[in-house]
Protein backbone atom coordinates (compact mmCIF):
# COMPACT_ATOMS: atom_id res chain seq x y z
CA UNK A 1 -14.83 53.05 7.86
CA UNK A 2 -13.26 54.51 4.72
CA UNK A 3 -9.87 53.09 5.68
CA UNK A 4 -11.47 49.67 6.18
CA UNK A 5 -13.13 49.83 2.76
CA UNK A 6 -9.85 50.89 1.18
CA UNK A 7 -8.03 48.01 2.81
CA UNK A 8 -10.64 45.52 1.60
CA UNK A 9 -10.49 46.95 -1.93
CA UNK A 10 -6.70 46.81 -1.95
CA UNK A 11 -6.75 43.20 -0.77
CA UNK A 12 -9.28 42.27 -3.46
CA UNK A 13 -7.17 43.90 -6.17
CA UNK A 14 -4.05 42.14 -4.86
CA UNK A 15 -5.81 38.77 -4.85
CA UNK A 16 -7.10 39.42 -8.35
CA UNK A 17 -3.62 40.23 -9.61
CA UNK A 18 -2.21 37.16 -7.87
CA UNK A 19 -4.87 34.99 -9.47
CA UNK A 20 -4.12 36.48 -12.88
CA UNK A 21 -0.42 35.85 -12.38
CA UNK A 22 -1.06 32.25 -11.42
CA UNK A 23 -3.32 31.79 -14.42
CA UNK A 24 -0.63 33.17 -16.72
CA UNK A 25 1.82 30.64 -15.26
CA UNK A 26 -0.62 27.75 -15.67
CA UNK A 27 0.62 24.88 -17.82
CA UNK A 28 -1.35 22.17 -19.55
CA UNK A 29 -0.91 18.79 -17.86
CA UNK A 30 -1.43 15.93 -20.33
CA UNK A 31 -3.90 13.25 -19.28
CA UNK A 32 -2.59 9.72 -18.86
CA UNK A 33 -4.29 6.33 -18.79
CA UNK A 34 -4.53 4.84 -15.29
CA UNK A 35 -5.99 1.48 -14.32
CA UNK A 36 -7.45 3.04 -11.17
CA UNK A 37 -9.37 5.78 -13.00
CA UNK A 38 -13.15 5.75 -12.93
CA UNK A 39 -15.69 4.16 -10.64
CA UNK A 40 -14.63 0.61 -11.42
CA UNK A 41 -10.88 1.24 -11.69
CA UNK A 42 -8.44 -0.52 -9.38
CA UNK A 43 -4.77 -0.01 -8.56
CA UNK A 44 -2.39 -1.88 -10.85
CA UNK A 45 -0.55 -3.83 -8.15
CA UNK A 46 2.34 -4.87 -10.40
CA UNK A 47 2.90 -1.25 -11.41
CA UNK A 48 2.65 -0.11 -7.79
CA UNK A 49 5.21 -2.71 -6.72
CA UNK A 50 7.60 -1.44 -9.39
CA UNK A 51 6.86 2.05 -8.16
CA UNK A 52 7.83 1.02 -4.65
CA UNK A 53 11.13 -0.26 -6.03
CA UNK A 54 11.78 3.18 -7.54
CA UNK A 55 10.77 4.86 -4.30
CA UNK A 56 13.13 2.66 -2.30
CA UNK A 57 16.10 2.82 -4.68
CA UNK A 58 15.79 6.39 -5.99
CA UNK A 59 13.30 8.67 -4.26
CA UNK A 60 13.96 7.64 -0.65
CA UNK A 61 17.52 8.98 -0.77
CA UNK A 62 16.02 12.48 -0.39
CA UNK A 63 12.27 12.13 0.20
CA UNK A 64 10.40 10.70 3.16
CA UNK A 65 7.02 8.97 3.40
CA UNK A 66 6.78 9.29 7.14
CA UNK A 67 2.99 8.99 7.32
CA UNK A 68 2.92 5.56 5.68
CA UNK A 69 3.24 2.33 7.72
CA UNK A 70 5.32 -0.30 5.96
CA UNK A 71 2.48 -2.81 6.37
CA UNK A 72 0.44 -0.67 3.95
CA UNK A 73 2.33 -2.45 1.17
CA UNK A 74 0.15 -5.50 1.81
CA UNK A 75 -2.46 -3.65 -0.27
CA UNK A 76 -0.36 -4.05 -3.42
CA UNK A 77 0.38 -7.73 -2.97
CA UNK A 78 3.32 -8.10 -0.58
CA UNK A 79 2.84 -11.03 1.78
CA UNK A 80 3.70 -11.13 5.48
CA UNK A 81 7.19 -12.54 5.02
CA UNK A 82 7.97 -9.97 2.33
CA UNK A 83 6.73 -7.17 4.57
CA UNK A 84 8.97 -8.35 7.41
CA UNK A 85 11.96 -8.48 5.06
CA UNK A 86 11.24 -5.00 3.69
CA UNK A 87 10.81 -3.57 7.19
CA UNK A 88 14.00 -5.22 8.45
CA UNK A 89 15.91 -3.37 5.76
CA UNK A 90 15.28 -0.11 7.63
CA UNK A 91 16.60 1.04 10.98
CA UNK A 92 14.24 3.00 13.19
CA UNK A 93 14.82 4.84 16.40
CA UNK A 94 13.30 3.24 19.49
CA UNK A 95 13.47 3.61 23.21
CA UNK A 96 14.21 4.83 25.70
CA UNK A 97 15.77 1.67 27.13
CA UNK A 98 16.25 0.93 30.83
CA UNK A 99 19.17 3.38 30.86
CA UNK A 100 17.00 6.12 29.43
CA UNK A 101 18.76 6.11 26.07
CA UNK A 102 17.31 5.98 22.58
CA UNK A 103 18.62 3.23 20.31
CA UNK A 104 18.29 1.95 16.75
CA UNK A 105 16.59 -1.33 15.87
CA UNK A 106 15.51 -3.15 12.68
CA UNK A 107 12.11 -2.06 11.46
CA UNK A 108 8.91 -4.05 11.73
CA UNK A 109 5.86 -3.83 9.42
CA UNK A 110 4.01 -1.62 11.92
CA UNK A 111 6.73 1.05 11.64
CA UNK A 112 6.39 3.95 9.25
CA UNK A 113 8.93 4.54 6.52
CA UNK A 114 11.81 6.41 8.18
CA UNK A 115 13.04 9.74 6.86
CA UNK A 116 16.45 9.78 5.12
CA UNK A 117 17.43 12.76 7.29
CA UNK A 118 17.27 13.22 11.07
CA UNK A 119 15.55 16.62 10.76
CA UNK A 120 14.55 19.33 8.29
CA UNK A 121 17.75 21.32 8.79
CA UNK A 122 19.85 18.29 7.84
CA UNK A 123 17.64 17.76 4.78
CA UNK A 124 18.12 21.38 3.69
CA UNK A 125 21.86 21.21 4.25
CA UNK A 126 22.11 18.16 1.99
CA UNK A 127 19.99 19.71 -0.77
CA UNK A 128 21.41 23.21 -1.27
CA UNK A 129 18.88 24.75 1.10
CA UNK A 130 15.81 23.11 -0.41
CA UNK A 131 13.60 20.87 1.72
CA UNK A 132 12.49 17.75 -0.20
CA UNK A 133 8.76 17.36 0.43
CA UNK A 134 7.31 14.31 2.11
CA UNK A 135 5.70 12.00 -0.45
CA UNK A 136 3.04 10.42 1.76
CA UNK A 137 0.19 12.52 0.33
CA UNK A 138 1.90 14.00 -2.72
CA UNK A 139 -0.63 12.51 -5.16
CA UNK A 140 -3.38 14.38 -3.28
CA UNK A 141 -1.42 17.55 -2.61
CA UNK A 142 -0.81 18.53 -6.23
CA UNK A 143 -3.48 19.74 -8.65
CA UNK A 144 -3.74 17.09 -11.33
CA UNK A 145 -2.75 14.26 -8.99
CA UNK A 146 -0.97 11.41 -10.72
CA UNK A 147 -1.17 13.19 -14.09
CA UNK A 148 0.87 16.05 -12.64
CA UNK A 149 3.37 13.67 -11.02
CA UNK A 150 3.90 11.88 -14.33
CA UNK A 151 4.24 15.16 -16.23
CA UNK A 152 6.67 16.58 -13.68
CA UNK A 153 8.89 13.49 -13.72
CA UNK A 154 9.02 13.45 -17.52
CA UNK A 155 9.17 17.22 -17.95
CA UNK A 156 12.86 17.89 -17.29
CA UNK A 157 14.90 19.37 -20.14
CA UNK A 158 18.66 19.58 -20.08
CA UNK A 159 18.68 22.82 -22.07
CA UNK A 160 16.01 25.42 -21.22
CA UNK A 161 14.25 27.28 -24.03
CA UNK A 162 15.91 30.32 -25.55
CA UNK A 163 15.54 33.38 -23.35
CA UNK A 164 15.17 31.42 -20.11
CA UNK A 165 17.97 31.89 -17.58
CA UNK A 166 18.12 29.39 -14.76
CA UNK A 167 19.09 30.52 -11.29
CA UNK A 168 22.13 28.80 -9.76
CA UNK A 169 21.37 25.25 -8.67
CA UNK A 170 18.02 25.16 -10.46
CA UNK A 171 16.79 22.78 -13.16
CA UNK A 172 14.31 23.41 -15.97
CA UNK A 173 11.00 21.54 -15.94
CA UNK A 174 8.34 22.52 -18.44
CA UNK A 175 5.47 21.35 -16.23
CA UNK A 176 6.59 22.89 -12.92
CA UNK A 177 5.06 26.30 -12.06
CA UNK A 178 7.75 28.84 -12.87
CA UNK A 179 9.69 26.06 -14.69
CA UNK A 180 12.63 26.21 -12.26
CA UNK A 181 13.00 23.53 -9.62
CA UNK A 182 15.80 22.53 -7.27
CA UNK A 183 15.21 18.81 -7.80
CA UNK A 184 17.32 17.32 -10.61
CA UNK A 185 16.09 14.81 -13.15
CA UNK A 186 16.22 11.52 -11.22
CA UNK A 187 14.78 9.13 -13.80
CA UNK A 188 17.15 7.76 -16.39
CA UNK A 189 16.62 5.01 -18.98
CA UNK A 190 17.36 1.70 -17.25
CA UNK A 191 18.11 3.62 -14.07
CA UNK A 192 16.61 0.68 -12.18
CA UNK A 193 16.42 -3.02 -12.99
CA UNK A 194 12.86 -4.14 -12.42
CA UNK A 195 12.52 -7.41 -10.54
CA UNK A 196 9.77 -8.56 -12.97
CA UNK A 197 11.85 -7.78 -16.06
CA UNK A 198 9.74 -4.84 -17.29
CA UNK A 199 11.78 -2.47 -19.49
CA UNK A 200 12.68 0.53 -17.31
CA UNK A 201 12.05 3.39 -19.71
CA UNK A 202 11.69 6.86 -18.21
CA UNK A 203 7.99 6.85 -19.08
CA UNK A 204 7.47 3.45 -17.45
CA UNK A 205 9.30 4.53 -14.30
CA UNK A 206 7.27 7.75 -14.10
CA UNK A 207 4.03 5.79 -14.54
CA UNK A 208 4.97 3.25 -11.89
CA UNK A 209 6.12 5.70 -9.21
CA UNK A 210 3.01 7.83 -9.84
CA UNK A 211 0.85 4.74 -9.35
CA UNK A 212 2.67 3.90 -6.12
CA UNK A 213 2.31 7.45 -4.77
CA UNK A 214 -1.40 7.37 -5.63
CA UNK A 215 -1.74 4.14 -3.68
CA UNK A 216 0.01 5.32 -0.50
CA UNK A 217 -1.96 8.57 -0.57
CA UNK A 218 -5.21 6.57 -0.51
CA UNK A 219 -4.50 2.90 0.26
CA UNK A 220 -8.18 2.09 0.73
CA UNK A 221 -9.30 3.49 -2.62
CA UNK A 222 -10.16 0.10 -4.12
CA UNK A 223 -12.22 -0.89 -1.06
CA UNK A 224 -13.96 2.48 -1.09
CA UNK A 225 -14.92 2.09 -4.74
CA UNK A 226 -16.18 -1.46 -4.20
CA UNK A 227 -18.30 -0.32 -1.28
CA UNK A 228 -19.64 2.58 -3.34
CA UNK A 229 -20.71 0.25 -6.15
CA UNK A 230 -22.44 -2.05 -3.66
CA UNK A 231 -24.28 0.89 -2.10
CA UNK A 232 -25.42 2.18 -5.51
CA UNK A 233 -26.68 -1.27 -6.51
CA UNK A 234 -28.50 -1.59 -3.17
CA UNK A 235 -30.15 1.79 -3.65
CA UNK A 236 -31.25 0.86 -7.18
CA UNK A 237 -32.83 -2.38 -5.93
CA UNK A 238 -34.41 -0.54 -2.98
CA UNK A 239 -35.85 2.11 -5.31
CA UNK A 240 -37.33 -0.65 -7.49
CA UNK A 241 -38.92 -2.37 -4.49
CA UNK A 242 -40.31 0.93 -3.18
CA UNK A 243 -41.78 1.72 -6.58
CA UNK A 244 -43.35 -1.75 -6.85
CA UNK A 245 -44.77 -1.40 -3.33
CA UNK A 246 -46.21 2.00 -4.15
CA UNK A 247 -47.86 0.63 -7.30
CA UNK A 248 -49.29 -2.30 -5.35
CA UNK A 249 -50.74 -0.09 -2.60
CA UNK A 250 -52.21 2.53 -4.92
CA UNK A 251 -53.72 -0.09 -7.26
CA UNK A 252 -56.30 -0.92 -4.54
CA UNK A 253 -57.45 2.68 -4.19
CA UNK A 254 -60.13 4.02 -6.52
């Protein structure tokens, strides 16, 4: 019994120290303005479309979004023909055919975004041992959500602060826990040419890709909010009717 109590106490102390260490490493994530914030907020479809362009041209060279069907893009304004054209730009593995062999075919909107690497080992080999995380749910997986994504993407510094020594192959990011990350700074001024002519500043690119990642992490957010508002309005009306009914019934009792 004593050994059990000692083990529990040791575990509690260890967890306390770990929590203190994490707290000491905590960084302040600046709040940003998002069109989808709040009860009545909705996804900025133009921004999300620009974000998809960044995902396709920049992020998808290393990162996957393997949980997201291509047809999900209909939620940010792409029509059926555009979805077919986007999907056809990818090759996906299919099969087996009559000979029992797998083969590659052009994508269709029902397909999910393919990974840039055939497996995790290939991804690690191409990235100095680091495994680029899947971006399907990244906006939900990080504390701070889109605010953190924006801060991370704009938080790279070419020269780390005095006294900070980077490990080989690492890059300094003031908003990343520990401040050392294997991913390099991927957003450059005018690094992409937006189809709608929007100036491609680093801040604009970070805002757009964060909006897109928020959308694919919860593509039904707008519909959920609309349904929630309708339910609240219904409950308010119902409460008013119930109150009026109660007053009517009790007014006859003396």
